[in-house]
Amino acid sequence: MEMDATAFEELVVDELDRLPDEMVEGLDNVVFVVEDAPEDGEDLFGLYDGLALTERGQYGLGELPDRIIVYRTAHLAACETEEDLRDEVHTTLVHEIAHFYGIDDEQLHELGWA
C-alpha cells in the first residue's frame, strides 16, 4: 500500500481521536510522533519511548515528554487496504498507550493486543 507522510499522519490523528476517552485522558506529558522507520533499522509498527506510569516516582517537573512513535513504512508494508491500515494503526496506538500505563507485551498478548 502507498500513502504519503501527510495523509498517513492525518490517519493516525483520526484513529487517535477514535480511541476511548478513558484511554487517552490519563496520558500526561506524552506526545505522539509519526516517523517513516526506526533509525536503527528495526521492523516496528510503533514504540513507546518513556517511563511507564507504574515506574514513575516524582515525575513531570521539567521532564521531557514521553513519546509514542508510529512508524509509517512498516504499517504500509503490512496492509493492503485503508481499512487494514486503520485497524493496524488502531492496534499500534492501543499497544503503545498500554506501555505508558505499565502493561507489558505478555499482558498485551493475553489481552489480544500484541
PDB file of N, CA and C in Angstrom:
ATOM      1  N   MET A   1       0.848  -1.176   0.000  1.00  0.00           N
ATOM      2  CA  MET A   1       0.000   0.000   0.000  1.00  0.00           C
ATOM      3  C   MET A   1       0.889   1.234   0.000  1.00  0.00           C
ATOM      4  N   GLU A   2       0.409   2.294  -0.631  1.00  0.00           N
ATOM      5  CA  GLU A   2       1.142   3.558  -0.659  1.00  0.00           C
ATOM      6  C   GLU A   2       0.292   4.668  -0.053  1.00  0.00           C
ATOM      7  N   MET A   3       0.975   5.551   0.694  1.00  0.00           N
ATOM      8  CA  MET A   3       0.317   6.724   1.268  1.00  0.00           C
ATOM      9  C   MET A   3       1.418   7.691   1.664  1.00  0.00           C
ATOM     10  N   ASP A   4       1.268   8.956   1.284  1.00  0.00           N
ATOM     11  CA  ASP A   4       2.311   9.916   1.633  1.00  0.00           C
ATOM     12  C   ASP A   4       2.282  10.215   3.132  1.00  0.00           C
ATOM     13  N   ALA A   5       3.344  10.855   3.589  1.00  0.00           N
ATOM     14  CA  ALA A   5       3.525  11.090   5.020  1.00  0.00           C
ATOM     15  C   ALA A   5       2.403  11.934   5.618  1.00  0.00           C
ATOM     16  N   THR A   6       1.947  12.943   4.893  1.00  0.00           N
ATOM     17  CA  THR A   6       0.893  13.819   5.405  1.00  0.00           C
ATOM     18  C   THR A   6      -0.423  13.063   5.583  1.00  0.00           C
ATOM     19  N   ALA A   7      -0.796  12.287   4.584  1.00  0.00           N
ATOM     20  CA  ALA A   7      -2.045  11.517   4.663  1.00  0.00           C
ATOM     21  C   ALA A   7      -1.961  10.476   5.775  1.00  0.00           C
ATOM     22  N   PHE A   8      -0.802   9.848   5.935  1.00  0.00           N
ATOM     23  CA  PHE A   8      -0.644   8.853   6.995  1.00  0.00           C
ATOM     24  C   PHE A   8      -0.771   9.515   8.363  1.00  0.00           C
ATOM     25  N   GLU A   9      -0.142  10.658   8.532  1.00  0.00           N
ATOM     26  CA  GLU A   9      -0.229  11.369   9.809  1.00  0.00           C
ATOM     27  C   GLU A   9      -1.680  11.743  10.122  1.00  0.00           C
ATOM     28  N   GLU A  10      -2.424  12.185   9.125  1.00  0.00           N
ATOM     29  CA  GLU A  10      -3.837  12.505   9.317  1.00  0.00           C
ATOM     30  C   GLU A  10      -4.626  11.264   9.734  1.00  0.00           C
ATOM     31  N   LEU A  11      -4.313  10.121   9.135  1.00  0.00           N
ATOM     32  CA  LEU A  11      -4.973   8.873   9.500  1.00  0.00           C
ATOM     33  C   LEU A  11      -4.672   8.512  10.956  1.00  0.00           C
ATOM     34  N   VAL A  12      -3.423   8.685  11.379  1.00  0.00           N
ATOM     35  CA  VAL A  12      -3.035   8.390  12.766  1.00  0.00           C
ATOM     36  C   VAL A  12      -3.799   9.303  13.725  1.00  0.00           C
ATOM     37  N   VAL A  13      -3.886  10.582  13.419  1.00  0.00           N
ATOM     38  CA  VAL A  13      -4.627  11.531  14.270  1.00  0.00           C
ATOM     39  C   VAL A  13      -6.095  11.131  14.334  1.00  0.00           C
ATOM     40  N   ASP A  14      -6.652  10.749  13.205  1.00  0.00           N
ATOM     41  CA  ASP A  14      -8.053  10.321  13.156  1.00  0.00           C
ATOM     42  C   ASP A  14      -8.268   9.091  14.043  1.00  0.00           C
ATOM     43  N   GLU A  15      -7.372   8.128  13.964  1.00  0.00           N
ATOM     44  CA  GLU A  15      -7.502   6.922  14.790  1.00  0.00           C
ATOM     45  C   GLU A  15      -7.287   7.245  16.269  1.00  0.00           C
ATOM     46  N   LEU A  16      -6.404   8.159  16.562  1.00  0.00           N
ATOM     47  CA  LEU A  16      -6.193   8.586  17.950  1.00  0.00           C
ATOM     48  C   LEU A  16      -7.462   9.224  18.498  1.00  0.00           C
ATOM     49  N   ASP A  17      -8.126  10.020  17.681  1.00  0.00           N
ATOM     50  CA  ASP A  17      -9.380  10.658  18.100  1.00  0.00           C
ATOM     51  C   ASP A  17     -10.492   9.638  18.340  1.00  0.00           C
ATOM     52  N   ARG A  18     -10.406   8.481  17.735  1.00  0.00           N
ATOM     53  CA  ARG A  18     -11.437   7.445  17.879  1.00  0.00           C
ATOM     54  C   ARG A  18     -11.240   6.576  19.123  1.00  0.00           C
ATOM     55  N   LEU A  19     -10.102   6.709  19.781  1.00  0.00           N
ATOM     56  CA  LEU A  19      -9.868   5.904  20.985  1.00  0.00           C
ATOM     57  C   LEU A  19     -10.775   6.369  22.111  1.00  0.00           C
ATOM     58  N   PRO A  20     -11.137   5.458  23.014  1.00  0.00           N
ATOM     59  CA  PRO A  20     -12.000   5.839  24.143  1.00  0.00           C
ATOM     60  C   PRO A  20     -11.357   6.920  25.012  1.00  0.00           C
ATOM     61  N   ASP A  21     -12.168   7.853  25.473  1.00  0.00           N
ATOM     62  CA  ASP A  21     -11.671   8.939  26.316  1.00  0.00           C
ATOM     63  C   ASP A  21     -10.921   8.406  27.533  1.00  0.00           C
ATOM     64  N   GLU A  22     -11.421   7.312  28.117  1.00  0.00           N
ATOM     65  CA  GLU A  22     -10.788   6.757  29.325  1.00  0.00           C
ATOM     66  C   GLU A  22      -9.342   6.344  29.054  1.00  0.00           C
ATOM     67  N   MET A  23      -9.052   5.986  27.816  1.00  0.00           N
ATOM     68  CA  MET A  23      -7.711   5.531  27.469  1.00  0.00           C
ATOM     69  C   MET A  23      -6.742   6.702  27.309  1.00  0.00           C
ATOM     70  N   VAL A  24      -7.218   7.811  26.773  1.00  0.00           N
ATOM     71  CA  VAL A  24      -6.308   8.909  26.462  1.00  0.00           C
ATOM     72  C   VAL A  24      -6.307  10.032  27.496  1.00  0.00           C
ATOM     73  N   GLU A  25      -7.336  10.116  28.323  1.00  0.00           N
ATOM     74  CA  GLU A  25      -7.398  11.194  29.313  1.00  0.00           C
ATOM     75  C   GLU A  25      -6.265  11.131  30.323  1.00  0.00           C
ATOM     76  N   GLY A  26      -5.773   9.954  30.631  1.00  0.00           N
ATOM     77  CA  GLY A  26      -4.706   9.803  31.612  1.00  0.00           C
ATOM     78  C   GLY A  26      -3.310  10.010  31.064  1.00  0.00           C
ATOM     79  N   LEU A  27      -3.190  10.238  29.768  1.00  0.00           N
ATOM     80  CA  LEU A  27      -1.869  10.438  29.169  1.00  0.00           C
ATOM     81  C   LEU A  27      -1.337  11.799  29.569  1.00  0.00           C
ATOM     82  N   ASP A  28      -0.337  11.782  30.420  1.00  0.00           N
ATOM     83  CA  ASP A  28       0.241  13.016  30.933  1.00  0.00           C
ATOM     84  C   ASP A  28       1.665  13.146  30.410  1.00  0.00           C
ATOM     85  N   ASN A  29       1.962  14.286  29.804  1.00  0.00           N
ATOM     86  CA  ASN A  29       3.298  14.563  29.300  1.00  0.00           C
ATOM     87  C   ASN A  29       3.723  13.552  28.236  1.00  0.00           C
ATOM     88  N   VAL A  30       2.816  13.277  27.289  1.00  0.00           N
ATOM     89  CA  VAL A  30       3.067  12.333  26.195  1.00  0.00           C
ATOM     90  C   VAL A  30       2.763  13.021  24.873  1.00  0.00           C
ATOM     91  N   VAL A  31       3.673  12.872  23.911  1.00  0.00           N
ATOM     92  CA  VAL A  31       3.430  13.374  22.561  1.00  0.00           C
ATOM     93  C   VAL A  31       3.395  12.192  21.603  1.00  0.00           C
ATOM     94  N   PHE A  32       2.622  12.343  20.550  1.00  0.00           N
ATOM     95  CA  PHE A  32       2.530  11.333  19.502  1.00  0.00           C
ATOM     96  C   PHE A  32       3.312  11.833  18.292  1.00  0.00           C
ATOM     97  N   VAL A  33       4.140  10.950  17.745  1.00  0.00           N
ATOM     98  CA  VAL A  33       5.024  11.296  16.638  1.00  0.00           C
ATOM     99  C   VAL A  33       4.864  10.251  15.544  1.00  0.00           C
ATOM    100  N   VAL A  34       4.868  10.705  14.295  1.00  0.00           N
ATOM    101  CA  VAL A  34       4.866   9.786  13.159  1.00  0.00           C
ATOM    102  C   VAL A  34       6.224   9.900  12.483  1.00  0.00           C
ATOM    103  N   GLU A  35       6.876   8.754  12.281  1.00  0.00           N
ATOM    104  CA  GLU A  35       8.156   8.700  11.580  1.00  0.00           C
ATOM    105  C   GLU A  35       8.066   7.622  10.514  1.00  0.00           C
ATOM    106  N   ASP A  36       8.942   7.701   9.526  1.00  0.00           N
ATOM    107  CA  ASP A  36       8.939   6.688   8.470  1.00  0.00           C
ATOM    108  C   ASP A  36       9.365   5.325   8.990  1.00  0.00           C
ATOM    109  N   ALA A  37      10.488   5.268   9.712  1.00  0.00           N
ATOM    110  CA  ALA A  37      11.019   3.992  10.201  1.00  0.00           C
ATOM    111  C   ALA A  37      11.988   4.283  11.351  1.00  0.00           C
ATOM    112  N   PRO A  38      12.227   3.282  12.197  1.00  0.00           N
ATOM    113  CA  PRO A  38      13.202   3.472  13.276  1.00  0.00           C
ATOM    114  C   PRO A  38      14.606   3.716  12.707  1.00  0.00           C
ATOM    115  N   GLU A  39      15.378   4.549  13.380  1.00  0.00           N
ATOM    116  CA  GLU A  39      16.737   4.860  12.940  1.00  0.00           C
ATOM    117  C   GLU A  39      17.638   3.629  12.942  1.00  0.00           C
ATOM    118  N   ASP A  40      17.378   2.684  13.849  1.00  0.00           N
ATOM    119  CA  ASP A  40      18.237   1.511  13.958  1.00  0.00           C
ATOM    120  C   ASP A  40      17.869   0.400  12.971  1.00  0.00           C
ATOM    121  N   GLY A  41      16.872   0.645  12.122  1.00  0.00           N
ATOM    122  CA  GLY A  41      16.510  -0.324  11.098  1.00  0.00           C
ATOM    123  C   GLY A  41      15.594  -1.439  11.562  1.00  0.00           C
ATOM    124  N   GLU A  42      15.178  -1.412  12.831  1.00  0.00           N
ATOM    125  CA  GLU A  42      14.252  -2.442  13.317  1.00  0.00           C
ATOM    126  C   GLU A  42      12.939  -2.368  12.564  1.00  0.00           C
ATOM    127  N   ASP A  43      12.245  -3.489  12.511  1.00  0.00           N
ATOM    128  CA  ASP A  43      10.952  -3.557  11.834  1.00  0.00           C
ATOM    129  C   ASP A  43       9.849  -3.439  12.880  1.00  0.00           C
ATOM    130  N   LEU A  44       9.483  -2.201  13.206  1.00  0.00           N
ATOM    131  CA  LEU A  44       8.497  -1.947  14.250  1.00  0.00           C
ATOM    132  C   LEU A  44       7.315  -1.165  13.696  1.00  0.00           C
ATOM    133  N   PHE A  45       6.136  -1.413  14.274  1.00  0.00           N
ATOM    134  CA  PHE A  45       4.958  -0.613  13.959  1.00  0.00           C
ATOM    135  C   PHE A  45       4.918   0.642  14.830  1.00  0.00           C
ATOM    136  N   GLY A  46       5.403   0.514  16.056  1.00  0.00           N
ATOM    137  CA  GLY A  46       5.379   1.638  16.977  1.00  0.00           C
ATOM    138  C   GLY A  46       6.344   1.432  18.116  1.00  0.00           C
ATOM    139  N   LEU A  47       6.508   2.489  18.904  1.00  0.00           N
ATOM    140  CA  LEU A  47       7.433   2.439  20.036  1.00  0.00           C
ATOM    141  C   LEU A  47       6.961   3.416  21.100  1.00  0.00           C
ATOM    142  N   TYR A  48       6.993   2.951  22.349  1.00  0.00           N
ATOM    143  CA  TYR A  48       6.774   3.852  23.479  1.00  0.00           C
ATOM    144  C   TYR A  48       8.143   4.203  24.018  1.00  0.00           C
ATOM    145  N   ASP A  49       8.478   5.473  24.008  1.00  0.00           N
ATOM    146  CA  ASP A  49       9.762   5.964  24.478  1.00  0.00           C
ATOM    147  C   ASP A  49       9.516   6.835  25.700  1.00  0.00           C
ATOM    148  N   GLY A  50       9.637   6.222  26.878  1.00  0.00           N
ATOM    149  CA  GLY A  50       9.387   6.976  28.089  1.00  0.00           C
ATOM    150  C   GLY A  50       9.421   6.095  29.317  1.00  0.00           C
ATOM    151  N   LEU A  51       8.922   6.638  30.391  1.00  0.00           N
ATOM    152  CA  LEU A  51       8.880   5.952  31.674  1.00  0.00           C
ATOM    153  C   LEU A  51       7.427   5.626  31.994  1.00  0.00           C
ATOM    154  N   ALA A  52       7.129   4.342  32.094  1.00  0.00           N
ATOM    155  CA  ALA A  52       5.756   3.901  32.339  1.00  0.00           C
ATOM    156  C   ALA A  52       5.206   4.512  33.626  1.00  0.00           C
ATOM    157  N   LEU A  53       3.928   4.742  33.620  1.00  0.00           N
ATOM    158  CA  LEU A  53       3.244   5.333  34.764  1.00  0.00           C
ATOM    159  C   LEU A  53       3.522   4.550  36.047  1.00  0.00           C
ATOM    160  N   THR A  54       3.614   3.238  35.930  1.00  0.00           N
ATOM    161  CA  THR A  54       3.855   2.383  37.094  1.00  0.00           C
ATOM    162  C   THR A  54       5.277   2.504  37.632  1.00  0.00           C
ATOM    163  N   GLU A  55       6.181   3.114  36.868  1.00  0.00           N
ATOM    164  CA  GLU A  55       7.580   3.248  37.286  1.00  0.00           C
ATOM    165  C   GLU A  55       7.940   4.665  37.700  1.00  0.00           C
ATOM    166  N   ARG A  56       6.980   5.547  37.636  1.00  0.00           N
ATOM    167  CA  ARG A  56       7.251   6.950  37.945  1.00  0.00           C
ATOM    168  C   ARG A  56       7.150   7.207  39.433  1.00  0.00           C
ATOM    169  N   GLY A  57       8.087   7.969  39.921  1.00  0.00           N
ATOM    170  CA  GLY A  57       8.005   8.456  41.281  1.00  0.00           C
ATOM    171  C   GLY A  57       7.577   9.900  41.194  1.00  0.00           C
ATOM    172  N   GLN A  58       8.512  10.776  41.498  1.00  0.00           N
ATOM    173  CA  GLN A  58       8.259  12.188  41.312  1.00  0.00           C
ATOM    174  C   GLN A  58       8.599  12.496  39.862  1.00  0.00           C
ATOM    175  N   TYR A  59       7.609  12.835  39.080  1.00  0.00           N
ATOM    176  CA  TYR A  59       7.773  12.961  37.641  1.00  0.00           C
ATOM    177  C   TYR A  59       7.051  14.201  37.142  1.00  0.00           C
ATOM    178  N   GLY A  60       7.578  14.778  36.079  1.00  0.00           N
ATOM    179  CA  GLY A  60       6.883  15.868  35.422  1.00  0.00           C
ATOM    180  C   GLY A  60       7.433  17.241  35.711  1.00  0.00           C
ATOM    181  N   LEU A  61       8.403  17.333  36.581  1.00  0.00           N
ATOM    182  CA  LEU A  61       8.980  18.635  36.896  1.00  0.00           C
ATOM    183  C   LEU A  61      10.155  18.882  35.953  1.00  0.00           C
ATOM    184  N   GLY A  62       9.857  19.456  34.801  1.00  0.00           N
ATOM    185  CA  GLY A  62      10.903  19.753  33.833  1.00  0.00           C
ATOM    186  C   GLY A  62      11.299  18.573  32.972  1.00  0.00           C
ATOM    187  N   GLU A  63      10.569  17.472  33.065  1.00  0.00           N
ATOM    188  CA  GLU A  63      10.875  16.289  32.267  1.00  0.00           C
ATOM    189  C   GLU A  63      10.456  16.515  30.817  1.00  0.00           C
ATOM    190  N   LEU A  64      11.249  15.996  29.895  1.00  0.00           N
ATOM    191  CA  LEU A  64      10.819  15.984  28.504  1.00  0.00           C
ATOM    192  C   LEU A  64       9.639  15.039  28.385  1.00  0.00           C
ATOM    193  N   PRO A  65       8.735  15.300  27.443  1.00  0.00           N
ATOM    194  CA  PRO A  65       7.573  14.404  27.321  1.00  0.00           C
ATOM    195  C   PRO A  65       7.972  13.015  26.818  1.00  0.00           C
ATOM    196  N   ASP A  66       7.219  12.015  27.263  1.00  0.00           N
ATOM    197  CA  ASP A  66       7.345  10.678  26.700  1.00  0.00           C
ATOM    198  C   ASP A  66       6.850  10.767  25.260  1.00  0.00           C
ATOM    199  N   ARG A  67       7.265   9.796  24.445  1.00  0.00           N
ATOM    200  CA  ARG A  67       6.843   9.807  23.042  1.00  0.00           C
ATOM    201  C   ARG A  67       6.239   8.457  22.686  1.00  0.00           C
ATOM    202  N   ILE A  68       5.171   8.519  21.924  1.00  0.00           N
ATOM    203  CA  ILE A  68       4.631   7.339  21.274  1.00  0.00           C
ATOM    204  C   ILE A  68       4.843   7.563  19.786  1.00  0.00           C
ATOM    205  N   ILE A  69       5.665   6.693  19.201  1.00  0.00           N
ATOM    206  CA  ILE A  69       6.040   6.842  17.805  1.00  0.00           C
ATOM    207  C   ILE A  69       5.305   5.792  16.976  1.00  0.00           C
ATOM    208  N   VAL A  70       4.708   6.227  15.887  1.00  0.00           N
ATOM    209  CA  VAL A  70       4.040   5.333  14.945  1.00  0.00           C
ATOM    210  C   VAL A  70       4.853   5.375  13.649  1.00  0.00           C
ATOM    211  N   TYR A  71       5.271   4.190  13.183  1.00  0.00           N
ATOM    212  CA  TYR A  71       6.131   4.105  12.005  1.00  0.00           C
ATOM    213  C   TYR A  71       5.315   3.813  10.742  1.00  0.00           C
ATOM    214  N   ARG A  72       5.434   4.702   9.782  1.00  0.00           N
ATOM    215  CA  ARG A  72       4.652   4.638   8.544  1.00  0.00           C
ATOM    216  C   ARG A  72       5.044   3.461   7.653  1.00  0.00           C
ATOM    217  N   THR A  73       6.321   3.253   7.401  1.00  0.00           N
ATOM    218  CA  THR A  73       6.771   2.254   6.431  1.00  0.00           C
ATOM    219  C   THR A  73       6.308   0.847   6.796  1.00  0.00           C
ATOM    220  N   ALA A  74       6.449   0.459   8.035  1.00  0.00           N
ATOM    221  CA  ALA A  74       6.040  -0.887   8.458  1.00  0.00           C
ATOM    222  C   ALA A  74       4.539  -1.080   8.297  1.00  0.00           C
ATOM    223  N   HIS A  75       3.774  -0.062   8.647  1.00  0.00           N
ATOM    224  CA  HIS A  75       2.322  -0.155   8.506  1.00  0.00           C
ATOM    225  C   HIS A  75       1.916  -0.317   7.040  1.00  0.00           C
ATOM    226  N   LEU A  76       2.497   0.491   6.182  1.00  0.00           N
ATOM    227  CA  LEU A  76       2.130   0.428   4.768  1.00  0.00           C
ATOM    228  C   LEU A  76       2.544  -0.903   4.138  1.00  0.00           C
ATOM    229  N   ALA A  77       3.684  -1.439   4.565  1.00  0.00           N
ATOM    230  CA  ALA A  77       4.153  -2.718   4.019  1.00  0.00           C
ATOM    231  C   ALA A  77       3.246  -3.872   4.440  1.00  0.00           C
ATOM    232  N   ALA A  78       2.617  -3.756   5.590  1.00  0.00           N
ATOM    233  CA  ALA A  78       1.813  -4.857   6.128  1.00  0.00           C
ATOM    234  C   ALA A  78       0.342  -4.800   5.712  1.00  0.00           C
ATOM    235  N   CYS A  79      -0.083  -3.697   5.128  1.00  0.00           N
ATOM    236  CA  CYS A  79      -1.508  -3.508   4.861  1.00  0.00           C
ATOM    237  C   CYS A  79      -1.780  -3.372   3.366  1.00  0.00           C
ATOM    238  N   GLU A  80      -2.930  -3.911   2.965  1.00  0.00           N
ATOM    239  CA  GLU A  80      -3.321  -3.843   1.561  1.00  0.00           C
ATOM    240  C   GLU A  80      -4.408  -2.802   1.301  1.00  0.00           C
ATOM    241  N   THR A  81      -5.221  -2.508   2.314  1.00  0.00           N
ATOM    242  CA  THR A  81      -6.315  -1.563   2.138  1.00  0.00           C
ATOM    243  C   THR A  81      -6.253  -0.503   3.242  1.00  0.00           C
ATOM    244  N   GLU A  82      -6.982   0.586   3.034  1.00  0.00           N
ATOM    245  CA  GLU A  82      -7.025   1.615   4.065  1.00  0.00           C
ATOM    246  C   GLU A  82      -7.709   1.092   5.324  1.00  0.00           C
ATOM    247  N   GLU A  83      -8.687   0.234   5.166  1.00  0.00           N
ATOM    248  CA  GLU A  83      -9.350  -0.360   6.330  1.00  0.00           C
ATOM    249  C   GLU A  83      -8.353  -1.187   7.148  1.00  0.00           C
ATOM    250  N   ASP A  84      -7.536  -2.005   6.461  1.00  0.00           N
ATOM    251  CA  ASP A  84      -6.489  -2.771   7.152  1.00  0.00           C
ATOM    252  C   ASP A  84      -5.524  -1.830   7.867  1.00  0.00           C
ATOM    253  N   LEU A  85      -5.154  -0.750   7.187  1.00  0.00           N
ATOM    254  CA  LEU A  85      -4.216   0.217   7.746  1.00  0.00           C
ATOM    255  C   LEU A  85      -4.796   0.863   9.002  1.00  0.00           C
ATOM    256  N   ARG A  86      -6.046   1.257   8.935  1.00  0.00           N
ATOM    257  CA  ARG A  86      -6.694   1.856  10.111  1.00  0.00           C
ATOM    258  C   ARG A  86      -6.720   0.875  11.284  1.00  0.00           C
ATOM    259  N   ASP A  87      -7.046  -0.377  11.005  1.00  0.00           N
ATOM    260  CA  ASP A  87      -7.066  -1.395  12.062  1.00  0.00           C
ATOM    261  C   ASP A  87      -5.689  -1.563  12.688  1.00  0.00           C
ATOM    262  N   GLU A  88      -4.660  -1.608  11.854  1.00  0.00           N
ATOM    263  CA  GLU A  88      -3.299  -1.810  12.358  1.00  0.00           C
ATOM    264  C   GLU A  88      -2.811  -0.596  13.142  1.00  0.00           C
ATOM    265  N   VAL A  89      -3.108   0.604  12.662  1.00  0.00           N
ATOM    266  CA  VAL A  89      -2.718   1.819  13.389  1.00  0.00           C
ATOM    267  C   VAL A  89      -3.451   1.865  14.729  1.00  0.00           C
ATOM    268  N   HIS A  90      -4.732   1.514  14.739  1.00  0.00           N
ATOM    269  CA  HIS A  90      -5.507   1.475  15.981  1.00  0.00           C
ATOM    270  C   HIS A  90      -4.854   0.522  16.989  1.00  0.00           C
ATOM    271  N   THR A  91      -4.517  -0.673  16.519  1.00  0.00           N
ATOM    272  CA  THR A  91      -3.879  -1.660  17.388  1.00  0.00           C
ATOM    273  C   THR A  91      -2.539  -1.145  17.909  1.00  0.00           C
ATOM    274  N   THR A  92      -1.766  -0.507  17.046  1.00  0.00           N
ATOM    275  CA  THR A  92      -0.472   0.043  17.461  1.00  0.00           C
ATOM    276  C   THR A  92      -0.651   1.108  18.523  1.00  0.00           C
ATOM    277  N   LEU A  93      -1.607   2.012  18.332  1.00  0.00           N
ATOM    278  CA  LEU A  93      -1.845   3.057  19.326  1.00  0.00           C
ATOM    279  C   LEU A  93      -2.242   2.463  20.675  1.00  0.00           C
ATOM    280  N   VAL A  94      -3.155   1.509  20.670  1.00  0.00           N
ATOM    281  CA  VAL A  94      -3.569   0.861  21.920  1.00  0.00           C
ATOM    282  C   VAL A  94      -2.368   0.182  22.584  1.00  0.00           C
ATOM    283  N   HIS A  95      -1.586  -0.514  21.780  1.00  0.00           N
ATOM    284  CA  HIS A  95      -0.410  -1.246  22.283  1.00  0.00           C
ATOM    285  C   HIS A  95       0.575  -0.282  22.963  1.00  0.00           C
ATOM    286  N   GLU A  96       0.910   0.803  22.293  1.00  0.00           N
ATOM    287  CA  GLU A  96       1.906   1.727  22.849  1.00  0.00           C
ATOM    288  C   GLU A  96       1.352   2.521  24.025  1.00  0.00           C
ATOM    289  N   ILE A  97       0.090   2.884  23.979  1.00  0.00           N
ATOM    290  CA  ILE A  97      -0.532   3.557  25.132  1.00  0.00           C
ATOM    291  C   ILE A  97      -0.537   2.613  26.334  1.00  0.00           C
ATOM    292  N   ALA A  98      -0.778   1.344  26.094  1.00  0.00           N
ATOM    293  CA  ALA A  98      -0.740   0.359  27.186  1.00  0.00           C
ATOM    294  C   ALA A  98       0.623   0.346  27.861  1.00  0.00           C
ATOM    295  N   HIS A  99       1.694   0.474  27.077  1.00  0.00           N
ATOM    296  CA  HIS A  99       3.037   0.530  27.671  1.00  0.00           C
ATOM    297  C   HIS A  99       3.181   1.748  28.574  1.00  0.00           C
ATOM    298  N   PHE A 100       2.573   2.868  28.206  1.00  0.00           N
ATOM    299  CA  PHE A 100       2.582   4.050  29.069  1.00  0.00           C
ATOM    300  C   PHE A 100       1.976   3.711  30.429  1.00  0.00           C
ATOM    301  N   TYR A 101       0.891   2.936  30.414  1.00  0.00           N
ATOM    302  CA  TYR A 101       0.213   2.562  31.654  1.00  0.00           C
ATOM    303  C   TYR A 101       0.891   1.403  32.385  1.00  0.00           C
ATOM    304  N   GLY A 102       2.001   0.896  31.840  1.00  0.00           N
ATOM    305  CA  GLY A 102       2.765  -0.149  32.516  1.00  0.00           C
ATOM    306  C   GLY A 102       2.354  -1.556  32.148  1.00  0.00           C
ATOM    307  N   ILE A 103       1.596  -1.730  31.101  1.00  0.00           N
ATOM    308  CA  ILE A 103       1.184  -3.060  30.654  1.00  0.00           C
ATOM    309  C   ILE A 103       2.252  -3.580  29.703  1.00  0.00           C
ATOM    310  N   ASP A 104       2.831  -4.741  30.022  1.00  0.00           N
ATOM    311  CA  ASP A 104       3.922  -5.270  29.204  1.00  0.00           C
ATOM    312  C   ASP A 104       3.403  -6.121  28.045  1.00  0.00           C
ATOM    313  N   ASP A 105       4.324  -6.558  27.189  1.00  0.00           N
ATOM    314  CA  ASP A 105       3.949  -7.315  25.994  1.00  0.00           C
ATOM    315  C   ASP A 105       3.240  -8.621  26.329  1.00  0.00           C
ATOM    316  N   GLU A 106       3.648  -9.296  27.396  1.00  0.00           N
ATOM    317  CA  GLU A 106       2.997 -10.542  27.783  1.00  0.00           C
ATOM    318  C   GLU A 106       1.517 -10.306  28.133  1.00  0.00           C
ATOM    319  N   GLN A 107       1.264  -9.272  28.915  1.00  0.00           N
ATOM    320  CA  GLN A 107      -0.114  -8.937  29.272  1.00  0.00           C
ATOM    321  C   GLN A 107      -0.908  -8.525  28.026  1.00  0.00           C
ATOM    322  N   LEU A 108      -0.288  -7.770  27.142  1.00  0.00           N
ATOM    323  CA  LEU A 108      -0.943  -7.355  25.908  1.00  0.00           C
ATOM    324  C   LEU A 108      -1.301  -8.560  25.042  1.00  0.00           C
ATOM    325  N   HIS A 109      -0.410  -9.533  25.015  1.00  0.00           N
ATOM    326  CA  HIS A 109      -0.668 -10.758  24.247  1.00  0.00           C
ATOM    327  C   HIS A 109      -1.885 -11.493  24.831  1.00  0.00           C
ATOM    328  N   GLU A 110      -1.935 -11.578  26.148  1.00  0.00           N
ATOM    329  CA  GLU A 110      -3.064 -12.224  26.813  1.00  0.00           C
ATOM    330  C   GLU A 110      -4.389 -11.505  26.517  1.00  0.00           C
ATOM    331  N   LEU A 111      -4.299 -10.174  26.357  1.00  0.00           N
ATOM    332  CA  LEU A 111      -5.493  -9.378  26.082  1.00  0.00           C
ATOM    333  C   LEU A 111      -5.832  -9.307  24.581  1.00  0.00           C
ATOM    334  N   GLY A 112      -4.945  -9.866  23.749  1.00  0.00           N
ATOM    335  CA  GLY A 112      -5.168  -9.863  22.316  1.00  0.00           C
ATOM    336  C   GLY A 112      -4.701  -8.627  21.577  1.00  0.00           C
ATOM    337  N   TRP A 113      -3.822  -7.839  22.204  1.00  0.00           N
ATOM    338  CA  TRP A 113      -3.328  -6.600  21.596  1.00  0.00           C
ATOM    339  C   TRP A 113      -1.865  -6.665  21.202  1.00  0.00           C
ATOM    340  N   ALA A 114      -1.304  -7.849  21.170  1.00  0.00           N
ATOM    341  CA  ALA A 114       0.120  -7.960  20.798  1.00  0.00           C
ATOM    342  C   ALA A 114       0.287  -9.018  19.731  1.00  0.00           C
TER     343      ALA A 114
END
